[in-house]
PDB file of N, CA and C in Angstrom:
ATOM      1  N   MET A   1      10.560  20.921  -1.130  1.00  0.00           N
ATOM      2  CA  MET A   1       9.435  20.170  -0.589  1.00  0.00           C
ATOM      3  C   MET A   1       9.140  18.972  -1.490  1.00  0.00           C
ATOM      4  N   LYS A   2       8.912  17.813  -0.885  1.00  0.00           N
ATOM      5  CA  LYS A   2       8.616  16.607  -1.632  1.00  0.00           C
ATOM      6  C   LYS A   2       7.230  16.685  -2.259  1.00  0.00           C
ATOM      7  N   SER A   3       7.124  16.051  -3.432  1.00  0.00           N
ATOM      8  CA  SER A   3       5.812  15.937  -4.076  1.00  0.00           C
ATOM      9  C   SER A   3       4.958  14.941  -3.305  1.00  0.00           C
ATOM     10  N   LYS A   4       3.664  15.087  -3.442  1.00  0.00           N
ATOM     11  CA  LYS A   4       2.712  14.198  -2.767  1.00  0.00           C
ATOM     12  C   LYS A   4       1.854  13.486  -3.802  1.00  0.00           C
ATOM     13  N   LEU A   5       1.412  12.289  -3.429  1.00  0.00           N
ATOM     14  CA  LEU A   5       0.487  11.523  -4.251  1.00  0.00           C
ATOM     15  C   LEU A   5      -0.812  11.383  -3.462  1.00  0.00           C
ATOM     16  N   PRO A   6      -1.839  12.138  -3.841  1.00  0.00           N
ATOM     17  CA  PRO A   6      -3.130  11.933  -3.189  1.00  0.00           C
ATOM     18  C   PRO A   6      -3.723  10.621  -3.697  1.00  0.00           C
ATOM     19  N   TYR A   7      -4.244   9.809  -2.784  1.00  0.00           N
ATOM     20  CA  TYR A   7      -4.768   8.501  -3.184  1.00  0.00           C
ATOM     21  C   TYR A   7      -5.960   8.152  -2.319  1.00  0.00           C
ATOM     22  N   ARG A   8      -7.055   7.721  -2.956  1.00  0.00           N
ATOM     23  CA  ARG A   8      -8.255   7.302  -2.236  1.00  0.00           C
ATOM     24  C   ARG A   8      -8.392   5.794  -2.354  1.00  0.00           C
ATOM     25  N   ALA A   9      -8.538   5.146  -1.201  1.00  0.00           N
ATOM     26  CA  ALA A   9      -8.751   3.700  -1.163  1.00  0.00           C
ATOM     27  C   ALA A   9     -10.115   3.432  -0.545  1.00  0.00           C
ATOM     28  N   SER A  10     -10.840   2.499  -1.142  1.00  0.00           N
ATOM     29  CA  SER A  10     -12.148   2.104  -0.628  1.00  0.00           C
ATOM     30  C   SER A  10     -12.126   0.615  -0.318  1.00  0.00           C
ATOM     31  N   THR A  11     -12.732   0.235   0.787  1.00  0.00           N
ATOM     32  CA  THR A  11     -12.809  -1.168   1.169  1.00  0.00           C
ATOM     33  C   THR A  11     -14.114  -1.772   0.687  1.00  0.00           C
ATOM     34  N   GLY A  12     -14.173  -3.103   0.708  1.00  0.00           N
ATOM     35  CA  GLY A  12     -15.399  -3.786   0.329  1.00  0.00           C
ATOM     36  C   GLY A  12     -16.560  -3.453   1.241  1.00  0.00           C
ATOM     37  N   SER A  13     -16.274  -3.050   2.471  1.00  0.00           N
ATOM     38  CA  SER A  13     -17.338  -2.686   3.414  1.00  0.00           C
ATOM     39  C   SER A  13     -17.774  -1.235   3.258  1.00  0.00           C
ATOM     40  N   GLY A  14     -17.161  -0.537   2.292  1.00  0.00           N
ATOM     41  CA  GLY A  14     -17.563   0.840   2.025  1.00  0.00           C
ATOM     42  C   GLY A  14     -16.740   1.894   2.732  1.00  0.00           C
ATOM     43  N   ASN A  15     -15.768   1.484   3.526  1.00  0.00           N
ATOM     44  CA  ASN A  15     -14.913   2.474   4.174  1.00  0.00           C
ATOM     45  C   ASN A  15     -14.008   3.132   3.146  1.00  0.00           C
ATOM     46  N   VAL A  16     -13.742   4.404   3.354  1.00  0.00           N
ATOM     47  CA  VAL A  16     -12.917   5.185   2.446  1.00  0.00           C
ATOM     48  C   VAL A  16     -11.771   5.805   3.243  1.00  0.00           C
ATOM     49  N   PHE A  17     -10.585   5.789   2.628  1.00  0.00           N
ATOM     50  CA  PHE A  17      -9.414   6.382   3.252  1.00  0.00           C
ATOM     51  C   PHE A  17      -8.706   7.245   2.217  1.00  0.00           C
ATOM     52  N   ASP A  18      -8.478   8.504   2.558  1.00  0.00           N
ATOM     53  CA  ASP A  18      -7.763   9.428   1.675  1.00  0.00           C
ATOM     54  C   ASP A  18      -6.342   9.592   2.199  1.00  0.00           C
ATOM     55  N   PHE A  19      -5.385   9.183   1.371  1.00  0.00           N
ATOM     56  CA  PHE A  19      -3.967   9.251   1.717  1.00  0.00           C
ATOM     57  C   PHE A  19      -3.318  10.420   0.996  1.00  0.00           C
ATOM     58  N   ASP A  20      -2.256  10.901   1.572  1.00  0.00           N
ATOM     59  CA  ASP A  20      -1.419  11.917   0.950  1.00  0.00           C
ATOM     60  C   ASP A  20       0.018  11.405   1.065  1.00  0.00           C
ATOM     61  N   PHE A  21       0.403  10.518   0.130  1.00  0.00           N
ATOM     62  CA  PHE A  21       1.692   9.853   0.198  1.00  0.00           C
ATOM     63  C   PHE A  21       2.814  10.775  -0.274  1.00  0.00           C
ATOM     64  N   PRO A  22       3.883  10.895   0.510  1.00  0.00           N
ATOM     65  CA  PRO A  22       5.051  11.635   0.023  1.00  0.00           C
ATOM     66  C   PRO A  22       5.779  10.779  -1.004  1.00  0.00           C
ATOM     67  N   LEU A  23       6.135  11.374  -2.115  1.00  0.00           N
ATOM     68  CA  LEU A  23       6.856  10.651  -3.159  1.00  0.00           C
ATOM     69  C   LEU A  23       8.363  10.817  -2.975  1.00  0.00           C
ATOM     70  N   HIS A  24       9.096   9.777  -3.270  1.00  0.00           N
ATOM     71  CA  HIS A  24      10.562   9.810  -3.199  1.00  0.00           C
ATOM     72  C   HIS A  24      11.065  10.800  -4.247  1.00  0.00           C
ATOM     73  N   GLU A  25      12.161  11.487  -3.942  1.00  0.00           N
ATOM     74  CA  GLU A  25      12.676  12.504  -4.879  1.00  0.00           C
ATOM     75  C   GLU A  25      13.101  11.911  -6.217  1.00  0.00           C
ATOM     76  N   ALA A  26      13.358  10.605  -6.275  1.00  0.00           N
ATOM     77  CA  ALA A  26      13.754   9.970  -7.537  1.00  0.00           C
ATOM     78  C   ALA A  26      12.567   9.410  -8.312  1.00  0.00           C
ATOM     79  N   THR A  27      11.341   9.721  -7.879  1.00  0.00           N
ATOM     80  CA  THR A  27      10.155   9.225  -8.582  1.00  0.00           C
ATOM     81  C   THR A  27      10.139   9.749 -10.006  1.00  0.00           C
ATOM     82  N   ASN A  28       9.986   8.834 -10.956  1.00  0.00           N
ATOM     83  CA  ASN A  28       9.918   9.223 -12.364  1.00  0.00           C
ATOM     84  C   ASN A  28       8.529   9.700 -12.765  1.00  0.00           C
ATOM     85  N   SER A  29       7.485   9.034 -12.258  1.00  0.00           N
ATOM     86  CA  SER A  29       6.126   9.366 -12.675  1.00  0.00           C
ATOM     87  C   SER A  29       5.133   9.059 -11.558  1.00  0.00           C
ATOM     88  N   ALA A  30       4.545  10.091 -10.999  1.00  0.00           N
ATOM     89  CA  ALA A  30       3.512   9.905  -9.974  1.00  0.00           C
ATOM     90  C   ALA A  30       2.299   9.179 -10.561  1.00  0.00           C
ATOM     91  N   VAL A  31       2.015   9.435 -11.820  1.00  0.00           N
ATOM     92  CA  VAL A  31       0.887   8.775 -12.490  1.00  0.00           C
ATOM     93  C   VAL A  31       1.119   7.271 -12.552  1.00  0.00           C
ATOM     94  N   LYS A  32       2.326   6.861 -12.921  1.00  0.00           N
ATOM     95  CA  LYS A  32       2.638   5.427 -12.996  1.00  0.00           C
ATOM     96  C   LYS A  32       2.597   4.797 -11.599  1.00  0.00           C
ATOM     97  N   VAL A  33       3.063   5.519 -10.592  1.00  0.00           N
ATOM     98  CA  VAL A  33       2.994   5.009  -9.216  1.00  0.00           C
ATOM     99  C   VAL A  33       1.535   4.753  -8.845  1.00  0.00           C
ATOM    100  N   ALA A  34       0.655   5.696  -9.119  1.00  0.00           N
ATOM    101  CA  ALA A  34      -0.773   5.545  -8.806  1.00  0.00           C
ATOM    102  C   ALA A  34      -1.386   4.397  -9.597  1.00  0.00           C
ATOM    103  N   GLN A  35      -1.026   4.270 -10.870  1.00  0.00           N
ATOM    104  CA  GLN A  35      -1.569   3.189 -11.698  1.00  0.00           C
ATOM    105  C   GLN A  35      -1.122   1.823 -11.175  1.00  0.00           C
ATOM    106  N   LEU A  36       0.152   1.696 -10.829  1.00  0.00           N
ATOM    107  CA  LEU A  36       0.645   0.430 -10.285  1.00  0.00           C
ATOM    108  C   LEU A  36      -0.010   0.104  -8.952  1.00  0.00           C
ATOM    109  N   LEU A  37      -0.200   1.111  -8.100  1.00  0.00           N
ATOM    110  CA  LEU A  37      -0.871   0.899  -6.825  1.00  0.00           C
ATOM    111  C   LEU A  37      -2.301   0.410  -7.045  1.00  0.00           C
ATOM    112  N   ASP A  38      -3.003   1.016  -7.992  1.00  0.00           N
ATOM    113  CA  ASP A  38      -4.361   0.556  -8.342  1.00  0.00           C
ATOM    114  C   ASP A  38      -4.361  -0.917  -8.746  1.00  0.00           C
ATOM    115  N   VAL A  39      -3.430  -1.288  -9.618  1.00  0.00           N
ATOM    116  CA  VAL A  39      -3.362  -2.665 -10.120  1.00  0.00           C
ATOM    117  C   VAL A  39      -3.055  -3.643  -8.986  1.00  0.00           C
ATOM    118  N   VAL A  40      -2.093  -3.295  -8.143  1.00  0.00           N
ATOM    119  CA  VAL A  40      -1.726  -4.181  -7.033  1.00  0.00           C
ATOM    120  C   VAL A  40      -2.917  -4.380  -6.098  1.00  0.00           C
ATOM    121  N   LEU A  41      -3.591  -3.302  -5.734  1.00  0.00           N
ATOM    122  CA  LEU A  41      -4.714  -3.422  -4.794  1.00  0.00           C
ATOM    123  C   LEU A  41      -5.906  -4.150  -5.413  1.00  0.00           C
ATOM    124  N   ARG A  42      -6.205  -3.877  -6.679  1.00  0.00           N
ATOM    125  CA  ARG A  42      -7.307  -4.595  -7.356  1.00  0.00           C
ATOM    126  C   ARG A  42      -6.995  -6.089  -7.453  1.00  0.00           C
ATOM    127  N   THR A  43      -5.768  -6.414  -7.820  1.00  0.00           N
ATOM    128  CA  THR A  43      -5.370  -7.818  -7.938  1.00  0.00           C
ATOM    129  C   THR A  43      -5.437  -8.501  -6.579  1.00  0.00           C
ATOM    130  N   LEU A  44      -4.963  -7.836  -5.550  1.00  0.00           N
ATOM    131  CA  LEU A  44      -5.011  -8.392  -4.204  1.00  0.00           C
ATOM    132  C   LEU A  44      -6.455  -8.649  -3.781  1.00  0.00           C
ATOM    133  N   ASP A  45      -7.334  -7.681  -3.999  1.00  0.00           N
ATOM    134  CA  ASP A  45      -8.751  -7.860  -3.652  1.00  0.00           C
ATOM    135  C   ASP A  45      -9.361  -9.045  -4.397  1.00  0.00           C
ATOM    136  N   ARG A  46      -9.076  -9.145  -5.686  1.00  0.00           N
ATOM    137  CA  ARG A  46      -9.628 -10.230  -6.501  1.00  0.00           C
ATOM    138  C   ARG A  46      -9.138 -11.588  -5.998  1.00  0.00           C
ATOM    139  N   GLU A  47      -7.848 -11.693  -5.717  1.00  0.00           N
ATOM    140  CA  GLU A  47      -7.279 -12.969  -5.283  1.00  0.00           C
ATOM    141  C   GLU A  47      -7.755 -13.363  -3.893  1.00  0.00           C
ATOM    142  N   VAL A  48      -7.894 -12.402  -2.997  1.00  0.00           N
ATOM    143  CA  VAL A  48      -8.397 -12.707  -1.656  1.00  0.00           C
ATOM    144  C   VAL A  48      -9.831 -13.226  -1.753  1.00  0.00           C
ATOM    145  N   CYS A  49     -10.629 -12.667  -2.637  1.00  0.00           N
ATOM    146  CA  CYS A  49     -12.006 -13.154  -2.828  1.00  0.00           C
ATOM    147  C   CYS A  49     -12.009 -14.600  -3.327  1.00  0.00           C
ATOM    148  N   LEU A  50     -11.074 -14.932  -4.204  1.00  0.00           N
ATOM    149  CA  LEU A  50     -10.997 -16.291  -4.744  1.00  0.00           C
ATOM    150  C   LEU A  50     -10.486 -17.291  -3.714  1.00  0.00           C
ATOM    151  N   LEU A  51      -9.574 -16.871  -2.856  1.00  0.00           N
ATOM    152  CA  LEU A  51      -8.971 -17.771  -1.865  1.00  0.00           C
ATOM    153  C   LEU A  51      -9.902 -18.082  -0.704  1.00  0.00           C
ATOM    154  N   GLY A  52     -10.855 -17.208  -0.446  1.00  0.00           N
ATOM    155  CA  GLY A  52     -11.683 -17.360   0.731  1.00  0.00           C
ATOM    156  C   GLY A  52     -11.046 -16.626   1.898  1.00  0.00           C
ATOM    157  N   PRO A  53     -11.489 -16.923   3.113  1.00  0.00           N
ATOM    158  CA  PRO A  53     -10.963 -16.201   4.277  1.00  0.00           C
ATOM    159  C   PRO A  53      -9.430 -16.275   4.357  1.00  0.00           C
ATOM    160  N   VAL A  54      -8.830 -15.097   4.459  1.00  0.00           N
ATOM    161  CA  VAL A  54      -7.378 -14.974   4.568  1.00  0.00           C
ATOM    162  C   VAL A  54      -7.094 -14.012   5.711  1.00  0.00           C
ATOM    163  N   GLY A  55      -6.172 -14.377   6.571  1.00  0.00           N
ATOM    164  CA  GLY A  55      -5.826 -13.506   7.693  1.00  0.00           C
ATOM    165  C   GLY A  55      -5.124 -12.247   7.221  1.00  0.00           C
ATOM    166  N   ASN A  56      -5.393 -11.133   7.885  1.00  0.00           N
ATOM    167  CA  ASN A  56      -4.736  -9.872   7.529  1.00  0.00           C
ATOM    168  C   ASN A  56      -3.218  -9.979   7.649  1.00  0.00           C
ATOM    169  N   GLY A  57      -2.749 -10.715   8.653  1.00  0.00           N
ATOM    170  CA  GLY A  57      -1.318 -10.922   8.810  1.00  0.00           C
ATOM    171  C   GLY A  57      -0.721 -11.688   7.638  1.00  0.00           C
ATOM    172  N   ASP A  58      -1.480 -12.658   7.117  1.00  0.00           N
ATOM    173  CA  ASP A  58      -1.013 -13.418   5.957  1.00  0.00           C
ATOM    174  C   ASP A  58      -0.890 -12.516   4.733  1.00  0.00           C
ATOM    175  N   VAL A  59      -1.856 -11.624   4.556  1.00  0.00           N
ATOM    176  CA  VAL A  59      -1.818 -10.679   3.430  1.00  0.00           C
ATOM    177  C   VAL A  59      -0.603  -9.763   3.556  1.00  0.00           C
ATOM    178  N   LEU A  60      -0.405  -9.196   4.752  1.00  0.00           N
ATOM    179  CA  LEU A  60       0.730  -8.294   4.955  1.00  0.00           C
ATOM    180  C   LEU A  60       2.058  -9.021   4.766  1.00  0.00           C
ATOM    181  N   GLN A  61       2.140 -10.266   5.238  1.00  0.00           N
ATOM    182  CA  GLN A  61       3.370 -11.033   5.085  1.00  0.00           C
ATOM    183  C   GLN A  61       3.666 -11.309   3.617  1.00  0.00           C
ATOM    184  N   ALA A  62       2.645 -11.675   2.849  1.00  0.00           N
ATOM    185  CA  ALA A  62       2.833 -11.924   1.421  1.00  0.00           C
ATOM    186  C   ALA A  62       3.291 -10.656   0.704  1.00  0.00           C
ATOM    187  N   LEU A  63       2.712  -9.518   1.069  1.00  0.00           N
ATOM    188  CA  LEU A  63       3.131  -8.260   0.457  1.00  0.00           C
ATOM    189  C   LEU A  63       4.570  -7.907   0.822  1.00  0.00           C
ATOM    190  N   ALA A  64       4.945  -8.143   2.083  1.00  0.00           N
ATOM    191  CA  ALA A  64       6.324  -7.884   2.511  1.00  0.00           C
ATOM    192  C   ALA A  64       7.290  -8.780   1.745  1.00  0.00           C
ATOM    193  N   PHE A  65       6.913 -10.046   1.569  1.00  0.00           N
ATOM    194  CA  PHE A  65       7.777 -10.958   0.818  1.00  0.00           C
ATOM    195  C   PHE A  65       7.871 -10.541  -0.647  1.00  0.00           C
ATOM    196  N   ALA A  66       6.750 -10.101  -1.220  1.00  0.00           N
ATOM    197  CA  ALA A  66       6.765  -9.647  -2.621  1.00  0.00           C
ATOM    198  C   ALA A  66       7.681  -8.442  -2.786  1.00  0.00           C
ATOM    199  N   LEU A  67       7.642  -7.526  -1.833  1.00  0.00           N
ATOM    200  CA  LEU A  67       8.525  -6.367  -1.878  1.00  0.00           C
ATOM    201  C   LEU A  67       9.986  -6.801  -1.777  1.00  0.00           C
ATOM    202  N   THR A  68      10.256  -7.772  -0.915  1.00  0.00           N
ATOM    203  CA  THR A  68      11.611  -8.289  -0.777  1.00  0.00           C
ATOM    204  C   THR A  68      12.092  -8.927  -2.082  1.00  0.00           C
ATOM    205  N   VAL A  69      11.257  -9.747  -2.671  1.00  0.00           N
ATOM    206  CA  VAL A  69      11.618 -10.401  -3.937  1.00  0.00           C
ATOM    207  C   VAL A  69      11.900  -9.355  -5.003  1.00  0.00           C
ATOM    208  N   ARG A  70      11.011  -8.382  -5.118  1.00  0.00           N
ATOM    209  CA  ARG A  70      11.181  -7.343  -6.144  1.00  0.00           C
ATOM    210  C   ARG A  70      12.454  -6.532  -5.902  1.00  0.00           C
ATOM    211  N   ALA A  71      12.754  -6.212  -4.652  1.00  0.00           N
ATOM    212  CA  ALA A  71      13.963  -5.452  -4.338  1.00  0.00           C
ATOM    213  C   ALA A  71      15.218  -6.240  -4.697  1.00  0.00           C
ATOM    214  N   ARG A  72      15.190  -7.552  -4.468  1.00  0.00           N
ATOM    215  CA  ARG A  72      16.355  -8.370  -4.780  1.00  0.00           C
ATOM    216  C   ARG A  72      16.563  -8.525  -6.290  1.00  0.00           C
ATOM    217  N   MET A  73      15.545  -8.312  -7.075  1.00  0.00           N
ATOM    218  CA  MET A  73      15.669  -8.398  -8.533  1.00  0.00           C
ATOM    219  C   MET A  73      16.362  -7.174  -9.129  1.00  0.00           C
ATOM    220  N   LEU A  74      16.438  -6.095  -8.371  1.00  0.00           N
ATOM    221  CA  LEU A  74      17.004  -4.850  -8.876  1.00  0.00           C
ATOM    222  C   LEU A  74      18.524  -4.871  -8.801  1.00  0.00           C
ATOM    223  N   PRO A  75      19.168  -4.169  -9.733  1.00  0.00           N
ATOM    224  CA  PRO A  75      20.623  -4.085  -9.653  1.00  0.00           C
ATOM    225  C   PRO A  75      21.030  -3.185  -8.489  1.00  0.00           C
ATOM    226  N   GLY A  76      22.176  -3.454  -7.926  1.00  0.00           N
ATOM    227  CA  GLY A  76      22.677  -2.629  -6.832  1.00  0.00           C
ATOM    228  C   GLY A  76      22.922  -3.459  -5.602  1.00  0.00           C
ATOM    229  N   GLY A  77      23.633  -2.869  -4.668  1.00  0.00           N
ATOM    230  CA  GLY A  77      23.958  -3.550  -3.423  1.00  0.00           C
ATOM    231  C   GLY A  77      22.751  -3.699  -2.532  1.00  0.00           C
ATOM    232  N   SER A  78      22.689  -4.816  -1.820  1.00  0.00           N
ATOM    233  CA  SER A  78      21.528  -5.063  -0.962  1.00  0.00           C
ATOM    234  C   SER A  78      21.417  -4.035   0.157  1.00  0.00           C
ATOM    235  N   GLU A  79      22.542  -3.483   0.639  1.00  0.00           N
ATOM    236  CA  GLU A  79      22.470  -2.484   1.705  1.00  0.00           C
ATOM    237  C   GLU A  79      21.744  -1.229   1.228  1.00  0.00           C
ATOM    238  N   ASN A  80      22.065  -0.778   0.011  1.00  0.00           N
ATOM    239  CA  ASN A  80      21.399   0.411  -0.542  1.00  0.00           C
ATOM    240  C   ASN A  80      19.923   0.142  -0.793  1.00  0.00           C
ATOM    241  N   LEU A  81      19.634  -1.035  -1.340  1.00  0.00           N
ATOM    242  CA  LEU A  81      18.234  -1.376  -1.612  1.00  0.00           C
ATOM    243  C   LEU A  81      17.443  -1.537  -0.321  1.00  0.00           C
ATOM    244  N   ASP A  82      18.062  -2.168   0.679  1.00  0.00           N
ATOM    245  CA  ASP A  82      17.391  -2.314   1.983  1.00  0.00           C
ATOM    246  C   ASP A  82      17.054  -0.946   2.566  1.00  0.00           C
ATOM    247  N   ALA A  83      18.002  -0.027   2.477  1.00  0.00           N
ATOM    248  CA  ALA A  83      17.774   1.320   3.011  1.00  0.00           C
ATOM    249  C   ALA A  83      16.649   2.014   2.254  1.00  0.00           C
ATOM    250  N   LEU A  84      16.615   1.862   0.943  1.00  0.00           N
ATOM    251  CA  LEU A  84      15.561   2.480   0.143  1.00  0.00           C
ATOM    252  C   LEU A  84      14.196   1.895   0.492  1.00  0.00           C
ATOM    253  N   VAL A  85      14.121   0.569   0.597  1.00  0.00           N
ATOM    254  CA  VAL A  85      12.847  -0.076   0.936  1.00  0.00           C
ATOM    255  C   VAL A  85      12.366   0.395   2.309  1.00  0.00           C
ATOM    256  N   ARG A  86      13.262   0.442   3.269  1.00  0.00           N
ATOM    257  CA  ARG A  86      12.879   0.911   4.613  1.00  0.00           C
ATOM    258  C   ARG A  86      12.404   2.365   4.577  1.00  0.00           C
ATOM    259  N   GLU A  87      13.101   3.192   3.807  1.00  0.00           N
ATOM    260  CA  GLU A  87      12.711   4.599   3.681  1.00  0.00           C
ATOM    261  C   GLU A  87      11.316   4.729   3.064  1.00  0.00           C
ATOM    262  N   LEU A  88      11.059   3.948   2.016  1.00  0.00           N
ATOM    263  CA  LEU A  88       9.755   4.022   1.346  1.00  0.00           C
ATOM    264  C   LEU A  88       8.631   3.513   2.244  1.00  0.00           C
ATOM    265  N   ILE A  89       8.876   2.415   2.954  1.00  0.00           N
ATOM    266  CA  ILE A  89       7.868   1.873   3.873  1.00  0.00           C
ATOM    267  C   ILE A  89       7.587   2.870   4.992  1.00  0.00           C
ATOM    268  N   ASP A  90       8.637   3.412   5.583  1.00  0.00           N
ATOM    269  CA  ASP A  90       8.481   4.375   6.669  1.00  0.00           C
ATOM    270  C   ASP A  90       7.708   5.605   6.190  1.00  0.00           C
ATOM    271  N   SER A  91       8.058   6.082   5.018  1.00  0.00           N
ATOM    272  CA  SER A  91       7.375   7.246   4.453  1.00  0.00           C
ATOM    273  C   SER A  91       5.893   6.948   4.226  1.00  0.00           C
ATOM    274  N   GLY A  92       5.605   5.772   3.682  1.00  0.00           N
ATOM    275  CA  GLY A  92       4.212   5.398   3.438  1.00  0.00           C
ATOM    276  C   GLY A  92       3.413   5.235   4.716  1.00  0.00           C
ATOM    277  N   LEU A  93       4.026   4.606   5.716  1.00  0.00           N
ATOM    278  CA  LEU A  93       3.324   4.394   6.987  1.00  0.00           C
ATOM    279  C   LEU A  93       3.064   5.693   7.738  1.00  0.00           C
ATOM    280  N   HIS A  94       3.882   6.711   7.474  1.00  0.00           N
ATOM    281  CA  HIS A  94       3.708   7.993   8.145  1.00  0.00           C
ATOM    282  C   HIS A  94       2.958   9.020   7.283  1.00  0.00           C
ATOM    283  N   ALA A  95       2.450   8.560   6.143  1.00  0.00           N
ATOM    284  CA  ALA A  95       1.684   9.465   5.279  1.00  0.00           C
ATOM    285  C   ALA A  95       0.402   9.892   5.985  1.00  0.00           C
ATOM    286  N   GLU A  96      -0.028  11.083   5.672  1.00  0.00           N
ATOM    287  CA  GLU A  96      -1.298  11.565   6.220  1.00  0.00           C
ATOM    288  C   GLU A  96      -2.429  10.736   5.624  1.00  0.00           C
ATOM    289  N   VAL A  97      -3.336  10.285   6.479  1.00  0.00           N
ATOM    290  CA  VAL A  97      -4.510   9.536   6.026  1.00  0.00           C
ATOM    291  C   VAL A  97      -5.721  10.063   6.771  1.00  0.00           C
ATOM    292  N   VAL A  98      -6.794  10.270   6.016  1.00  0.00           N
ATOM    293  CA  VAL A  98      -8.034  10.771   6.601  1.00  0.00           C
ATOM    294  C   VAL A  98      -9.130   9.746   6.316  1.00  0.00           C
ATOM    295  N   PRO A  99      -9.625   9.075   7.378  1.00  0.00           N
ATOM    296  CA  PRO A  99     -10.715   8.132   7.175  1.00  0.00           C
ATOM    297  C   PRO A  99     -12.006   8.873   6.832  1.00  0.00           C
ATOM    298  N   GLY A 100     -12.837   8.263   6.005  1.00  0.00           N
ATOM    299  CA  GLY A 100     -14.116   8.858   5.654  1.00  0.00           C
ATOM    300  C   GLY A 100     -15.029   8.962   6.861  1.00  0.00           C
ATOM    301  N   ARG A 101     -15.907   9.952   6.841  1.00  0.00           N
ATOM    302  CA  ARG A 101     -16.803  10.166   7.985  1.00  0.00           C
ATOM    303  C   ARG A 101     -17.794   9.027   8.161  1.00  0.00           C
ATOM    304  N   ALA A 102     -18.149   8.327   7.080  1.00  0.00           N
ATOM    305  CA  ALA A 102     -19.148   7.263   7.160  1.00  0.00           C
ATOM    306  C   ALA A 102     -18.517   5.895   7.414  1.00  0.00           C
ATOM    307  N   ASN A 103     -17.217   5.842   7.695  1.00  0.00           N
ATOM    308  CA  ASN A 103     -16.539   4.572   7.921  1.00  0.00           C
ATOM    309  C   ASN A 103     -17.081   3.861   9.147  1.00  0.00           C
ATOM    310  N   VAL A 104     -16.943   2.528   9.141  1.00  0.00           N
ATOM    311  CA  VAL A 104     -17.246   1.741  10.327  1.00  0.00           C
ATOM    312  C   VAL A 104     -16.299   2.210  11.428  1.00  0.00           C
ATOM    313  N   ALA A 105     -16.824   2.407  12.613  1.00  0.00           N
ATOM    314  CA  ALA A 105     -16.012   2.904  13.726  1.00  0.00           C
ATOM    315  C   ALA A 105     -14.922   1.902  14.090  1.00  0.00           C
ATOM    316  N   PRO A 106     -13.745   2.405  14.522  1.00  0.00           N
ATOM    317  CA  PRO A 106     -12.693   1.489  14.970  1.00  0.00           C
ATOM    318  C   PRO A 106     -13.211   0.593  16.082  1.00  0.00           C
ATOM    319  N   GLY A 107     -12.849  -0.675  16.030  1.00  0.00           N
ATOM    320  CA  GLY A 107     -13.304  -1.626  17.040  1.00  0.00           C
ATOM    321  C   GLY A 107     -14.557  -2.372  16.630  1.00  0.00           C
ATOM    322  N   GLU A 108     -15.327  -1.846  15.696  1.00  0.00           N
ATOM    323  CA  GLU A 108     -16.495  -2.568  15.199  1.00  0.00           C
ATOM    324  C   GLU A 108     -16.028  -3.579  14.165  1.00  0.00           C
ATOM    325  N   PRO A 109     -16.744  -4.680  14.027  1.00  0.00           N
ATOM    326  CA  PRO A 109     -16.314  -5.709  13.075  1.00  0.00           C
ATOM    327  C   PRO A 109     -16.323  -5.181  11.642  1.00  0.00           C
ATOM    328  N   ARG A 110     -15.294  -5.526  10.917  1.00  0.00           N
ATOM    329  CA  ARG A 110     -15.206  -5.181   9.501  1.00  0.00           C
ATOM    330  C   ARG A 110     -15.100  -6.496   8.756  1.00  0.00           C
ATOM    331  N   TYR A 111     -16.183  -6.891   8.151  1.00  0.00           N
ATOM    332  CA  TYR A 111     -16.224  -8.196   7.501  1.00  0.00           C
ATOM    333  C   TYR A 111     -15.589  -8.178   6.129  1.00  0.00           C
ATOM    334  N   LEU A 112     -15.600  -7.030   5.492  1.00  0.00           N
ATOM    335  CA  LEU A 112     -15.018  -6.921   4.162  1.00  0.00           C
ATOM    336  C   LEU A 112     -13.993  -5.820   4.162  1.00  0.00           C
ATOM    337  N   HIS A 113     -12.829  -6.068   3.580  1.00  0.00           N
ATOM    338  CA  HIS A 113     -11.784  -5.034   3.508  1.00  0.00           C
ATOM    339  C   HIS A 113     -11.387  -4.830   2.083  1.00  0.00           C
TER     340      HIS A 113
END
């Protein structure tokens, strides 16, 4: 059975999401994964606040490009790295997530994320 990384994310509007991310079998340190995720999300939040209004699609595109750049910096064939990146993204997108009970209802405006 794969190890899991429990992770809580909070939005600027106060919404809370509890994730249960499956970790890849080659993960060296779940603690380091969580620490890096914290840093990436905090940095993203800080920069979005400085930039002003930014479209969600623009944020996702920048993150996808950053992942691509980082993957290309690694040693190994691009086919293997592409497969690994796709596996990790798919695993993350299919992770169990439980929205907080006090979250803004889906469809209602969310001014802060």
